[in-house]
Amino acid sequence: MPWSSICSVVVGYSHITMFIDHFVWATPDLGLEMEHFIDISGVKPEYGGSHPGKGTHNALVRVGHACYLEIVAPDPLQHQIDRRWMIPQEVTHPRLIKWAWTSNDLVGDCERMDELGCLLGPVSTGKRFRNDGQWLHWKLTDPDFSDSSLVPFLISWGQDQHPALSLPLHCQLRSVSLLHPRPENLRFLELLSDFPVVNIEQGEELLSIEIEAPRGILQLSTEAPYCQVL
């Protein structure tokens, strides 16, 4: 079902500042999933680091100019954390769980999203060590605020370099697909500058992406089959 047939154009927002920033791929074991990703894609994810006090650590794969896939897993060195950040408490298998949009105006963009029925929760700060030993800082809306994988969280890197820009570009994001029983409820997508690459159809809720890699097209999804090589 084409978007133009189910949703009118949003007017009054001439300064769209949001872009697709990254996608979150949750897994029980980061090391094993990094090896698996190499096998299916031919690309080695780069270890990002630990999220202090959050119970997780990650690895990154660049999939566009300032866009990446974040592979995130429980950090075994933070086993004392009661509630891990961002990922389900029981991660039984690798799967796509969330996506994030870059915002250069978090307060304003949250207000615009709110006007279109998309509540994003409070803004907080985050940080982790980079591989060069320097801190990477960001501000973001609460990734765990919404139970829907279709609702993005917003992130701003401030004066820090976007983490994708230090990574080699061996993969390319081809498409983003969203299914929803009532696609007209997804009007907030028109605030996304990358809107033309997003496909919206009617159906049971689903978020999936296609990434072009050296060994083929990878399809990652929030529902089974969670990962396919096309």
Protein backbone atom coordinates (compact mmCIF):
# COMPACT_ATOMS: atom_id res chain seq x y z
CA MET A 1 0.00 0.00 0.00
CA PRO A 2 1.70 3.24 -1.08
CA TRP A 3 2.21 5.82 1.64
CA SER A 4 0.58 8.57 -0.42
CA SER A 5 -2.73 6.68 -0.31
CA ILE A 6 -2.86 6.35 3.46
CA CYS A 7 -1.40 9.55 4.82
CA SER A 8 -1.60 13.21 3.92
CA VAL A 9 1.50 15.35 3.63
CA VAL A 10 2.66 16.99 6.84
CA VAL A 11 2.71 20.75 6.44
CA GLY A 12 4.48 23.39 8.49
CA TYR A 13 7.76 21.50 8.93
CA SER A 14 10.10 23.08 6.42
CA HIS A 15 13.23 22.43 8.51
CA ILE A 16 13.49 18.67 8.73
CA THR A 17 16.67 17.88 10.63
CA MET A 18 16.44 14.14 11.25
CA PHE A 19 18.23 11.33 9.42
CA ILE A 20 18.54 7.59 9.99
CA ASP A 21 21.42 7.23 12.45
CA HIS A 22 21.63 3.53 13.25
CA PHE A 23 19.84 0.23 13.79
CA VAL A 24 20.17 -1.93 16.91
CA TRP A 25 20.82 -5.67 16.51
CA ALA A 26 20.57 -7.42 19.90
CA THR A 27 22.36 -10.69 20.56
CA PRO A 28 23.14 -12.91 23.59
CA ASP A 29 26.89 -13.01 22.90
CA LEU A 30 28.75 -10.19 21.17
CA GLY A 31 31.84 -12.19 20.23
CA LEU A 32 29.87 -15.02 18.64
CA GLU A 33 27.66 -12.62 16.71
CA MET A 34 30.67 -10.70 15.40
CA GLU A 35 32.04 -13.98 14.04
CA HIS A 36 28.66 -14.87 12.55
CA PHE A 37 28.41 -11.47 10.87
CA ILE A 38 31.82 -11.97 9.28
CA ASP A 39 30.71 -15.35 7.92
CA ILE A 40 27.49 -14.09 6.32
CA SER A 41 28.68 -10.68 5.14
CA GLY A 42 32.43 -10.81 4.65
CA VAL A 43 32.75 -7.71 6.87
CA LYS A 44 34.29 -7.62 10.33
CA PRO A 45 32.37 -5.48 12.86
CA GLU A 46 34.55 -3.13 14.87
CA TYR A 47 34.31 -3.42 18.62
CA GLY A 48 32.88 -0.18 19.97
CA GLY A 49 33.10 -0.48 23.71
CA SER A 50 31.20 -0.87 26.95
CA HIS A 51 28.32 1.29 28.18
CA PRO A 52 29.37 1.99 31.79
CA GLY A 53 26.61 1.30 34.28
CA LYS A 54 24.24 0.12 31.53
CA GLY A 55 25.20 -3.57 31.37
CA THR A 56 25.86 -3.73 27.61
CA HIS A 57 28.68 -3.45 25.09
CA ASN A 58 28.65 -3.16 21.32
CA ALA A 59 30.29 -3.50 17.93
CA LEU A 60 29.59 -1.38 14.86
CA VAL A 61 29.26 -1.90 11.11
CA ARG A 62 29.07 1.16 8.89
CA VAL A 63 26.19 1.00 6.38
CA GLY A 64 26.17 4.56 5.04
CA HIS A 65 27.90 7.93 5.27
CA ALA A 66 26.77 8.58 8.85
CA CYS A 67 24.76 5.43 9.48
CA TYR A 68 25.66 2.13 11.12
CA LEU A 69 24.42 -1.16 12.47
CA GLU A 70 24.98 -1.50 16.21
CA ILE A 71 25.41 -5.05 17.44
CA VAL A 72 24.71 -4.92 21.18
CA ALA A 73 24.87 -7.63 23.83
CA PRO A 74 25.06 -8.09 27.60
CA ASP A 75 28.49 -7.10 28.89
CA PRO A 76 29.83 -10.01 30.99
CA LEU A 77 31.97 -7.56 32.98
CA GLN A 78 28.81 -5.81 34.17
CA HIS A 79 26.90 -8.86 35.40
CA GLN A 80 25.79 -6.99 38.54
CA ILE A 81 23.47 -4.68 36.56
CA ASP A 82 19.83 -5.43 37.41
CA ARG A 83 18.32 -3.96 34.25
CA ARG A 84 20.35 -3.78 31.05
CA TRP A 85 20.02 -0.76 28.83
CA MET A 86 18.24 -0.95 25.46
CA ILE A 87 18.07 -4.70 24.97
CA PRO A 88 15.49 -7.22 26.28
CA GLN A 89 16.36 -8.74 29.63
CA GLU A 90 16.26 -12.24 28.12
CA VAL A 91 18.05 -12.17 24.77
CA THR A 92 17.67 -15.67 23.36
CA HIS A 93 18.59 -15.07 19.71
CA PRO A 94 20.00 -12.27 17.55
CA ARG A 95 17.35 -9.95 16.13
CA LEU A 96 16.68 -6.39 15.10
CA ILE A 97 15.03 -4.48 17.95
CA LYS A 98 15.23 -0.70 17.40
CA TRP A 99 16.33 2.13 15.17
CA ALA A 100 17.61 5.62 15.91
CA TRP A 101 17.40 8.95 14.11
CA THR A 102 20.02 11.70 14.24
CA SER A 103 18.65 15.01 15.49
CA ASN A 104 20.37 18.37 15.64
CA ASP A 105 17.45 19.80 17.61
CA LEU A 106 16.35 17.22 20.18
CA VAL A 107 13.88 19.45 22.01
CA GLY A 108 12.28 20.80 18.84
CA ASP A 109 12.17 17.43 17.10
CA CYS A 110 10.63 15.77 20.16
CA GLU A 111 7.91 18.41 20.12
CA ARG A 112 7.27 17.85 16.41
CA MET A 113 7.13 14.08 16.90
CA ASP A 114 4.76 14.58 19.84
CA GLU A 115 2.43 16.68 17.67
CA LEU A 116 2.17 13.71 15.31
CA GLY A 117 1.31 11.28 18.10
CA CYS A 118 4.79 9.85 18.68
CA LEU A 119 5.92 10.22 22.30
CA LEU A 120 9.66 9.67 22.86
CA GLY A 121 10.17 10.20 26.57
CA PRO A 122 12.83 12.20 28.40
CA VAL A 123 16.22 13.25 27.04
CA SER A 124 19.31 11.96 28.85
CA THR A 125 23.06 11.74 28.25
CA GLY A 126 25.28 8.76 27.49
CA LYS A 127 28.93 7.99 26.97
CA ARG A 128 31.43 5.19 26.36
CA PHE A 129 35.14 4.85 25.75
CA ARG A 130 36.21 4.71 22.12
CA ASN A 131 38.99 2.42 20.93
CA ASP A 132 41.40 5.37 21.05
CA GLY A 133 40.73 5.77 24.77
CA GLN A 134 38.71 8.97 24.36
CA TRP A 135 35.15 9.39 25.55
CA LEU A 136 32.29 9.42 23.04
CA HIS A 137 29.35 11.51 24.30
CA TRP A 138 25.77 11.80 23.14
CA LYS A 139 22.28 12.94 24.13
CA LEU A 140 19.26 10.81 23.35
CA THR A 141 15.63 10.11 24.09
CA ASP A 142 14.92 6.98 26.12
CA PRO A 143 15.39 3.92 23.83
CA ASP A 144 13.19 1.88 26.19
CA PHE A 145 10.32 4.38 26.38
CA SER A 146 8.24 2.74 23.65
CA ASP A 147 7.43 -0.96 23.35
CA SER A 148 7.17 -0.60 19.57
CA SER A 149 10.22 -1.32 17.44
CA LEU A 150 8.79 1.05 14.81
CA VAL A 151 9.14 4.09 17.07
CA PRO A 152 12.69 5.45 16.81
CA PHE A 153 14.68 7.06 19.56
CA LEU A 154 16.46 10.31 18.74
CA ILE A 155 20.17 10.89 19.28
CA SER A 156 22.51 13.85 19.00
CA TRP A 157 26.30 13.50 18.93
CA GLY A 158 26.89 17.18 19.68
CA GLN A 159 30.46 18.20 18.96
CA ASP A 160 31.78 14.61 18.91
CA GLN A 161 32.51 12.90 15.61
CA HIS A 162 29.78 10.56 14.47
CA PRO A 163 30.98 7.00 15.25
CA ALA A 164 30.33 5.78 11.69
CA LEU A 165 32.82 8.23 10.19
CA SER A 166 35.82 6.41 11.66
CA LEU A 167 34.74 3.04 10.22
CA PRO A 168 35.43 1.56 6.77
CA LEU A 169 32.44 1.53 4.43
CA HIS A 170 32.02 -2.03 3.10
CA CYS A 171 28.23 -2.32 3.48
CA GLN A 172 25.37 -0.14 2.27
CA LEU A 173 21.85 0.25 3.59
CA ARG A 174 19.46 -0.51 0.71
CA SER A 175 16.02 -0.17 2.25
CA VAL A 176 13.95 0.06 5.42
CA SER A 177 10.53 -1.60 5.62
CA LEU A 178 7.83 -1.07 8.22
CA LEU A 179 4.59 -3.02 8.64
CA HIS A 180 1.80 -1.72 10.86
CA PRO A 181 -1.90 -2.62 11.20
CA ARG A 182 -2.75 1.08 10.79
CA PRO A 183 -0.04 2.74 8.69
CA GLU A 184 -1.80 6.08 9.00
CA ASN A 185 -0.56 6.16 12.61
CA LEU A 186 3.03 6.43 11.34
CA ARG A 187 2.76 10.03 10.17
CA PHE A 188 5.90 10.90 12.15
CA LEU A 189 7.92 9.20 9.39
CA GLU A 190 7.40 12.24 7.20
CA LEU A 191 9.72 14.16 9.51
CA LEU A 192 12.58 11.89 8.42
CA SER A 193 14.88 13.26 5.72
CA ASP A 194 15.55 9.69 4.54
CA PHE A 195 11.81 9.14 4.10
CA PRO A 196 12.07 8.07 0.40
CA VAL A 197 14.06 4.92 1.32
CA VAL A 198 11.40 3.79 3.83
CA ASN A 199 8.70 1.37 2.66
CA ILE A 200 5.43 1.29 4.63
CA GLU A 201 2.79 -1.41 4.27
CA GLN A 202 -0.19 -2.67 6.21
CA GLY A 203 0.31 -5.81 8.30
CA GLU A 204 1.44 -7.14 11.66
CA GLU A 205 4.02 -4.83 13.20
CA LEU A 206 7.49 -5.41 11.75
CA LEU A 207 10.75 -3.53 11.16
CA SER A 208 13.20 -4.93 8.62
CA ILE A 209 16.20 -3.64 6.71
CA GLU A 210 18.28 -4.77 3.76
CA ILE A 211 22.03 -4.24 3.76
CA GLU A 212 24.24 -4.82 0.73
CA ALA A 213 27.42 -6.62 1.80
CA PRO A 214 30.33 -8.20 -0.11
CA ARG A 215 28.76 -11.68 0.22
CA GLY A 216 25.19 -10.73 -0.63
CA ILE A 217 22.13 -8.86 0.55
CA LEU A 218 21.41 -9.27 4.26
CA GLN A 219 17.84 -8.93 5.48
CA LEU A 220 17.55 -8.26 9.21
CA SER A 221 14.19 -8.21 10.97
CA THR A 222 12.40 -7.89 14.29
CA GLU A 223 10.48 -11.12 13.57
CA ALA A 224 11.50 -14.58 12.36
CA PRO A 225 13.31 -15.26 10.13
CA TYR A 226 15.50 -12.70 11.87
CA CYS A 227 18.44 -12.85 9.45
CA GLN A 228 18.52 -14.00 5.84
CA VAL A 229 21.08 -13.80 3.05
CA LEU A 230 19.15 -13.01 -0.12
